[in-house]
Amino acid sequence: MEGATGDGAFSIPQCDSCDKPAILEQAYSGRILCGKHLAKSVRKKISRELRKQLTLRKGSHTTVLVAVSGGKDSAVLLDVLVDLLGQRRDVTIVAGTVDEGIEGYRPPSIECAASLCERLGVRHEVVTYPELSFLEMDEVVNRLPMAVSKDNNAPRMACAYCGVFRRQGINHLAEKVGADVVALGHNLDDMAQTVLMNVSNGDLERTLRLAPHTSTPVQGLAPRIVPLRWVPEQEVHLYALHRELPLHHEECPNARGALRWRHRDMVAKMEADVPGTRHGLVKMADQVKALRDEVVALGGGGGRPPPPQPCSRCGNMTSGEQCKACDMRDLLMDEDQSKL
């Protein structure tokens, strides 16, 4: 953001909306923004998506569970939702955190989440993996070699287990607070990485299941919304700093080496080479979903997959007879342990 002057010194560009020093240049739009106008831009994007994704019916009350982790994305999401919806009598916002049991990482992040909730006057609920009958992630990491020895096709990365268990934790919290909607803090980079991962794996079904689920709710599950889906990660971070939100900046110690990290680097490189690539990936996924909806509306073959049914073991919704969480829980159990 610095430009050289004729005498060799550096100058900071001015915001294109006022005379204040800029903190960001949006390569994909050409705009140059100060902190105030960046915050305005972020808030506008979130507000626009919220109007599309969250349906508030006249005469009815809506409870929104915001999944918070203590990181920047969920902090910005909660801050903006409280700003936009906090004064409405027909909306209740509750924050929920899943404690995966990662020593040295999760406790300080929960403190940040709790501090933000206290600052915003939002109820904060926490659920641990043991409460859900899952092993804590520190123990999962220790047992990964055993899981692979039992099944050579078992996931080798901790993130695979944690993602499945965490989704069940969010479902548990949504049911506990009576949530009508679950808001997730996935930003533009997250969404683009997921689309690229699905394309790389030839996984069309996962692309079709991407949030938001406003128009495709599943009976028994609170639909997910993702109001940050068009806000780049860097802008989320700068907004959080501008608002001085309490943040936990550390990365999960188990995340290194995960498949998402490689796609994260690829998306960042493509975006640097061709600004707007992230938007293009997410728009492509939207177009695929829209095409599917058109086919279904016309009564075309295939349609949508069968709706999820309760797992035969735990009762949580699944597309098979037994859910992925129960499968993974079995892999991590010693042979002489009874199934949880």
Protein backbone atom coordinates (compact mmCIF):
# COMPACT_ATOMS: atom_id res chain seq x y z
CA MET A 1 0.00 0.00 0.00
CA GLU A 2 3.03 2.28 -0.11
CA GLY A 3 4.04 4.21 -3.17
CA ALA A 4 7.37 5.91 -3.87
CA THR A 5 7.52 9.68 -4.31
CA GLY A 6 9.97 11.58 -6.48
CA ASP A 7 12.48 12.11 -3.63
CA GLY A 8 12.67 8.40 -2.78
CA ALA A 9 10.32 8.61 0.20
CA PHE A 10 7.19 6.56 0.51
CA SER A 11 3.65 7.88 0.73
CA ILE A 12 0.47 6.14 1.80
CA PRO A 13 -2.37 6.35 -0.74
CA GLN A 14 -5.57 8.09 0.28
CA CYS A 15 -8.91 6.34 0.56
CA ASP A 16 -10.94 6.79 -2.63
CA SER A 17 -13.97 7.83 -0.53
CA CYS A 18 -12.29 10.37 1.77
CA ASP A 19 -8.93 11.96 2.49
CA LYS A 20 -7.83 9.46 5.16
CA PRO A 21 -4.86 7.09 4.68
CA ALA A 22 -5.86 3.83 3.01
CA ILE A 23 -5.23 0.43 4.60
CA LEU A 24 -6.37 -1.79 1.72
CA GLU A 25 -6.33 -1.97 -2.05
CA GLN A 26 -8.96 -4.32 -3.45
CA ALA A 27 -7.22 -5.76 -6.49
CA TYR A 28 -10.44 -7.45 -7.63
CA SER A 29 -12.42 -4.16 -7.61
CA GLY A 30 -9.77 -1.45 -7.94
CA ARG A 31 -10.98 0.33 -4.79
CA ILE A 32 -8.63 1.81 -2.19
CA LEU A 33 -10.13 2.07 1.31
CA CYS A 34 -9.42 3.44 4.76
CA GLY A 35 -10.48 1.57 7.88
CA LYS A 36 -13.83 3.32 8.14
CA HIS A 37 -14.83 2.73 4.53
CA LEU A 38 -13.49 -0.82 4.55
CA ALA A 39 -15.75 -1.54 7.54
CA LYS A 40 -18.64 0.04 5.65
CA SER A 41 -17.90 -2.14 2.61
CA VAL A 42 -17.70 -5.33 4.70
CA ARG A 43 -20.91 -4.51 6.55
CA LYS A 44 -22.70 -3.82 3.24
CA LYS A 45 -21.66 -7.20 1.79
CA ILE A 46 -22.77 -9.05 4.90
CA SER A 47 -26.06 -7.15 5.06
CA ARG A 48 -26.80 -7.93 1.41
CA GLU A 49 -26.14 -11.65 1.91
CA LEU A 50 -28.13 -11.70 5.12
CA ARG A 51 -31.20 -10.37 3.30
CA LYS A 52 -30.85 -13.17 0.74
CA GLN A 53 -30.11 -15.98 3.17
CA LEU A 54 -32.12 -15.23 6.31
CA THR A 55 -35.89 -15.26 5.98
CA LEU A 56 -37.65 -13.45 8.84
CA ARG A 57 -41.36 -14.17 8.69
CA LYS A 58 -43.74 -11.55 9.98
CA GLY A 59 -45.39 -12.56 13.22
CA SER A 60 -42.86 -15.31 14.04
CA HIS A 61 -39.71 -15.38 16.14
CA THR A 62 -36.31 -16.52 14.82
CA THR A 63 -33.40 -17.80 16.91
CA VAL A 64 -30.00 -17.63 15.22
CA LEU A 65 -27.12 -19.71 16.56
CA VAL A 66 -23.80 -18.13 15.60
CA ALA A 67 -20.94 -20.64 15.68
CA VAL A 68 -18.04 -18.81 17.34
CA SER A 69 -14.50 -20.07 17.81
CA GLY A 70 -12.62 -17.04 19.10
CA GLY A 71 -11.08 -16.40 15.68
CA LYS A 72 -11.53 -13.43 13.37
CA ASP A 73 -14.23 -14.81 11.07
CA SER A 74 -16.76 -15.78 13.71
CA ALA A 75 -15.95 -12.63 15.71
CA VAL A 76 -16.75 -10.39 12.74
CA LEU A 77 -19.86 -12.41 11.96
CA LEU A 78 -21.22 -12.09 15.49
CA ASP A 79 -20.32 -8.39 15.73
CA VAL A 80 -22.11 -7.53 12.48
CA LEU A 81 -25.15 -9.72 13.16
CA VAL A 82 -25.64 -8.08 16.55
CA ASP A 83 -25.31 -4.69 14.86
CA LEU A 84 -27.83 -5.57 12.15
CA LEU A 85 -30.29 -7.73 14.08
CA GLY A 86 -29.60 -7.22 17.77
CA GLN A 87 -32.36 -4.66 18.31
CA ARG A 88 -35.08 -6.70 16.64
CA ARG A 89 -37.65 -8.15 19.02
CA ASP A 90 -38.39 -11.01 16.66
CA VAL A 91 -34.78 -12.23 16.59
CA THR A 92 -32.66 -13.85 19.30
CA ILE A 93 -28.93 -14.29 18.72
CA VAL A 94 -27.08 -17.01 20.66
CA ALA A 95 -23.38 -17.81 20.29
CA GLY A 96 -22.17 -21.39 20.45
CA THR A 97 -18.66 -22.85 20.74
CA VAL A 98 -17.53 -26.45 20.30
CA ASP A 99 -14.57 -27.31 22.56
CA GLU A 100 -12.61 -29.97 20.67
CA GLY A 101 -10.14 -30.58 23.48
CA ILE A 102 -6.89 -29.19 22.04
CA GLU A 103 -4.62 -28.16 24.90
CA GLY A 104 -2.96 -24.77 24.54
CA TYR A 105 -5.14 -23.81 21.58
CA ARG A 106 -8.81 -24.09 22.40
CA PRO A 107 -8.86 -22.69 26.01
CA PRO A 108 -7.51 -19.22 25.06
CA SER A 109 -9.76 -19.07 22.00
CA ILE A 110 -12.81 -19.83 24.16
CA GLU A 111 -11.76 -16.97 26.43
CA CYS A 112 -11.75 -14.62 23.42
CA ALA A 113 -15.17 -15.87 22.32
CA ALA A 114 -16.57 -15.43 25.84
CA SER A 115 -15.09 -11.93 26.06
CA LEU A 116 -16.69 -10.92 22.76
CA CYS A 117 -20.07 -12.33 23.81
CA GLU A 118 -19.90 -10.42 27.09
CA ARG A 119 -19.02 -7.22 25.23
CA LEU A 120 -21.96 -7.67 22.83
CA GLY A 121 -24.41 -8.91 25.47
CA VAL A 122 -24.92 -12.29 23.77
CA ARG A 123 -25.62 -15.59 25.52
CA HIS A 124 -22.71 -18.01 25.04
CA GLU A 125 -23.07 -21.81 25.09
CA VAL A 126 -20.16 -24.28 25.01
CA VAL A 127 -20.20 -28.04 24.38
CA THR A 128 -17.21 -30.38 24.72
CA TYR A 129 -16.44 -33.51 22.72
CA PRO A 130 -16.78 -35.78 25.80
CA GLU A 131 -20.30 -34.39 26.31
CA LEU A 132 -21.03 -35.66 22.79
CA SER A 133 -19.39 -39.05 23.54
CA PHE A 134 -16.37 -38.21 21.36
CA LEU A 135 -12.72 -38.41 22.35
CA GLU A 136 -10.94 -35.08 22.77
CA MET A 137 -8.78 -34.22 19.78
CA ASP A 138 -5.50 -34.57 21.67
CA GLU A 139 -6.43 -38.22 22.29
CA VAL A 140 -7.67 -38.65 18.71
CA VAL A 141 -4.23 -37.59 17.45
CA ASN A 142 -2.62 -40.22 19.69
CA ARG A 143 -4.94 -42.92 18.35
CA LEU A 144 -4.63 -42.19 14.64
CA PRO A 145 -2.01 -44.93 14.04
CA MET A 146 -4.34 -47.45 15.68
CA ALA A 147 -7.25 -46.33 13.48
CA VAL A 148 -5.16 -46.77 10.33
CA SER A 149 -3.97 -50.19 11.48
CA LYS A 150 -7.62 -51.25 11.86
CA ASP A 151 -8.61 -49.85 8.46
CA ASN A 152 -6.01 -48.82 5.91
CA ASN A 153 -8.57 -46.47 4.34
CA ALA A 154 -9.18 -44.63 7.62
CA PRO A 155 -8.48 -40.88 7.54
CA ARG A 156 -4.89 -40.11 8.51
CA MET A 157 -5.36 -36.43 9.33
CA ALA A 158 -6.91 -35.21 12.59
CA CYS A 159 -8.93 -32.58 10.70
CA ALA A 160 -11.07 -35.27 9.07
CA TYR A 161 -12.27 -36.50 12.45
CA CYS A 162 -12.54 -33.05 13.99
CA GLY A 163 -14.68 -31.69 11.16
CA VAL A 164 -17.21 -34.51 11.50
CA PHE A 165 -17.34 -34.30 15.29
CA ARG A 166 -17.57 -30.49 15.26
CA ARG A 167 -20.56 -30.56 12.90
CA GLN A 168 -22.34 -32.80 15.37
CA GLY A 169 -21.41 -30.36 18.13
CA ILE A 170 -22.98 -27.48 16.22
CA ASN A 171 -26.10 -29.56 15.61
CA HIS A 172 -26.24 -30.32 19.34
CA LEU A 173 -25.98 -26.64 20.25
CA ALA A 174 -28.61 -25.69 17.66
CA GLU A 175 -31.03 -28.20 19.15
CA LYS A 176 -30.20 -27.11 22.70
CA VAL A 177 -31.01 -23.43 22.08
CA GLY A 178 -33.89 -24.12 19.68
CA ALA A 179 -32.13 -22.46 16.76
CA ASP A 180 -34.05 -21.91 13.55
CA VAL A 181 -30.85 -21.02 11.68
CA VAL A 182 -27.12 -21.61 12.19
CA ALA A 183 -24.76 -18.85 11.01
CA LEU A 184 -21.22 -19.92 10.07
CA GLY A 185 -18.24 -17.61 9.57
CA HIS A 186 -16.97 -18.99 6.27
CA ASN A 187 -15.33 -16.17 4.30
CA LEU A 188 -14.73 -15.90 0.55
CA ASP A 189 -11.37 -17.67 0.73
CA ASP A 190 -12.88 -20.56 2.71
CA MET A 191 -15.69 -20.98 0.20
CA ALA A 192 -13.36 -20.84 -2.82
CA GLN A 193 -11.01 -23.40 -1.25
CA THR A 194 -13.92 -25.76 -0.62
CA VAL A 195 -15.17 -25.46 -4.19
CA LEU A 196 -11.68 -26.15 -5.56
CA MET A 197 -11.29 -29.15 -3.24
CA ASN A 198 -14.61 -30.56 -4.45
CA VAL A 199 -13.65 -30.03 -8.09
CA SER A 200 -10.27 -31.69 -7.52
CA ASN A 201 -11.99 -34.68 -5.93
CA GLY A 202 -14.75 -34.83 -8.56
CA ASP A 203 -17.23 -34.45 -5.71
CA LEU A 204 -20.28 -32.81 -7.23
CA GLU A 205 -22.56 -33.85 -4.38
CA ARG A 206 -20.54 -31.90 -1.81
CA THR A 207 -20.72 -28.84 -4.03
CA LEU A 208 -24.50 -29.19 -4.23
CA ARG A 209 -24.65 -29.38 -0.42
CA LEU A 210 -22.66 -26.18 0.14
CA ALA A 211 -24.24 -23.56 2.38
CA PRO A 212 -26.31 -21.44 2.32
CA HIS A 213 -29.20 -23.86 2.74
CA THR A 214 -31.96 -21.23 2.68
CA SER A 215 -33.76 -22.75 -0.30
CA THR A 216 -32.85 -26.39 0.46
CA PRO A 217 -33.51 -26.99 4.18
CA VAL A 218 -33.25 -30.53 5.54
CA GLN A 219 -35.93 -31.70 7.93
CA GLY A 220 -34.50 -32.14 11.40
CA LEU A 221 -31.53 -29.80 10.86
CA ALA A 222 -31.35 -26.02 11.27
CA PRO A 223 -30.29 -24.61 7.87
CA ARG A 224 -26.83 -23.06 7.61
CA ILE A 225 -26.24 -19.53 6.38
CA VAL A 226 -22.86 -18.00 5.49
CA PRO A 227 -23.18 -14.19 5.43
CA LEU A 228 -19.40 -13.66 5.04
CA ARG A 229 -19.21 -15.72 1.84
CA TRP A 230 -18.27 -12.72 -0.36
CA VAL A 231 -15.85 -11.07 2.11
CA PRO A 232 -12.16 -11.94 1.52
CA GLU A 233 -10.20 -13.23 4.51
CA GLN A 234 -7.87 -10.22 4.56
CA GLU A 235 -10.81 -7.83 4.76
CA VAL A 236 -12.36 -9.85 7.58
CA HIS A 237 -9.09 -9.56 9.50
CA LEU A 238 -8.75 -5.81 8.89
CA TYR A 239 -12.37 -5.26 9.93
CA ALA A 240 -11.75 -7.16 13.17
CA LEU A 241 -8.68 -5.04 13.91
CA HIS A 242 -10.56 -1.84 13.03
CA ARG A 243 -13.33 -2.80 15.48
CA GLU A 244 -10.76 -3.94 18.09
CA LEU A 245 -12.52 -7.27 18.55
CA PRO A 246 -10.97 -9.78 20.97
CA LEU A 247 -9.27 -12.39 18.76
CA HIS A 248 -7.30 -15.60 19.09
CA HIS A 249 -4.69 -15.49 16.32
CA GLU A 250 -3.11 -18.94 16.60
CA GLU A 251 -3.67 -21.64 13.98
CA CYS A 252 -4.81 -25.08 15.11
CA PRO A 253 -1.68 -27.21 15.73
CA ASN A 254 -3.31 -30.14 13.92
CA ALA A 255 -4.11 -28.23 10.72
CA ARG A 256 -0.68 -28.32 9.07
CA GLY A 257 -0.53 -30.85 6.26
CA ALA A 258 -4.29 -31.04 5.84
CA LEU A 259 -5.64 -31.07 2.30
CA ARG A 260 -7.27 -27.67 2.81
CA TRP A 261 -3.87 -26.07 3.45
CA ARG A 262 -2.67 -27.07 -0.02
CA HIS A 263 -5.82 -25.71 -1.65
CA ARG A 264 -5.50 -22.58 0.47
CA ASP A 265 -2.10 -21.92 -1.10
CA MET A 266 -3.40 -22.67 -4.60
CA VAL A 267 -6.36 -20.30 -4.28
CA ALA A 268 -4.10 -17.55 -2.92
CA LYS A 269 -1.67 -17.98 -5.84
CA MET A 270 -4.47 -17.97 -8.43
CA GLU A 271 -6.06 -14.88 -6.85
CA ALA A 272 -2.72 -13.05 -6.90
CA ASP A 273 -2.24 -13.92 -10.59
CA VAL A 274 -5.87 -13.26 -11.62
CA PRO A 275 -7.81 -11.07 -9.15
CA GLY A 276 -11.42 -12.23 -8.93
CA THR A 277 -10.61 -15.96 -9.10
CA ARG A 278 -12.15 -16.57 -5.67
CA HIS A 279 -15.37 -14.90 -6.71
CA GLY A 280 -15.40 -16.98 -9.90
CA LEU A 281 -15.06 -20.29 -8.05
CA VAL A 282 -17.93 -19.49 -5.68
CA LYS A 283 -20.11 -18.17 -8.52
CA MET A 284 -19.51 -21.40 -10.43
CA ALA A 285 -20.75 -23.42 -7.44
CA ASP A 286 -23.84 -21.20 -7.24
CA GLN A 287 -24.50 -21.76 -10.94
CA VAL A 288 -24.23 -25.54 -10.54
CA LYS A 289 -26.70 -25.43 -7.64
CA ALA A 290 -29.07 -23.21 -9.64
CA LEU A 291 -28.90 -25.61 -12.58
CA ARG A 292 -29.75 -28.51 -10.27
CA ASP A 293 -32.76 -26.57 -8.96
CA GLU A 294 -33.94 -25.94 -12.51
CA VAL A 295 -33.69 -29.63 -13.36
CA VAL A 296 -35.63 -30.55 -10.21
CA ALA A 297 -38.29 -27.91 -10.92
CA LEU A 298 -38.79 -29.31 -14.42
CA GLY A 299 -39.13 -32.83 -13.08
CA GLY A 300 -35.87 -33.95 -14.65
CA GLY A 301 -34.16 -37.21 -13.82
CA GLY A 302 -31.95 -37.55 -10.79
CA GLY A 303 -33.20 -34.62 -8.76
CA ARG A 304 -31.98 -34.23 -5.24
CA PRO A 305 -30.54 -37.12 -3.22
CA PRO A 306 -32.78 -38.81 -0.65
CA PRO A 307 -33.18 -36.71 2.52
CA PRO A 308 -31.01 -37.66 5.52
CA GLN A 309 -32.40 -40.12 8.02
CA PRO A 310 -31.61 -40.63 11.74
CA CYS A 311 -28.43 -42.65 12.35
CA SER A 312 -29.22 -46.17 13.62
CA ARG A 313 -26.66 -45.71 16.41
CA CYS A 314 -26.84 -42.13 17.68
CA GLY A 315 -29.97 -40.69 16.06
CA ASN A 316 -28.16 -37.83 14.29
CA MET A 317 -29.11 -37.17 10.68
CA THR A 318 -27.11 -39.06 8.05
CA SER A 319 -27.33 -40.07 4.40
CA GLY A 320 -26.45 -43.68 5.26
CA GLU A 321 -27.60 -46.19 7.84
CA GLN A 322 -24.88 -45.11 10.27
CA CYS A 323 -23.39 -41.62 10.43
CA LYS A 324 -19.75 -40.76 9.75
CA ALA A 325 -19.22 -39.72 13.36
CA CYS A 326 -20.15 -43.19 14.63
CA ASP A 327 -17.91 -44.79 11.99
CA MET A 328 -14.97 -42.66 13.11
CA ARG A 329 -15.71 -43.21 16.78
CA ASP A 330 -15.51 -46.97 16.20
CA LEU A 331 -12.16 -46.62 14.43
CA LEU A 332 -10.70 -44.81 17.45
CA MET A 333 -11.88 -47.31 20.05
CA ASP A 334 -9.61 -50.06 21.40
CA GLU A 335 -10.74 -53.56 20.52
CA ASP A 336 -11.67 -54.32 24.13
CA GLN A 337 -13.64 -51.09 24.58
CA SER A 338 -17.38 -51.13 24.27
CA LYS A 339 -18.81 -48.77 21.67
CA LEU A 340 -19.83 -45.41 23.09
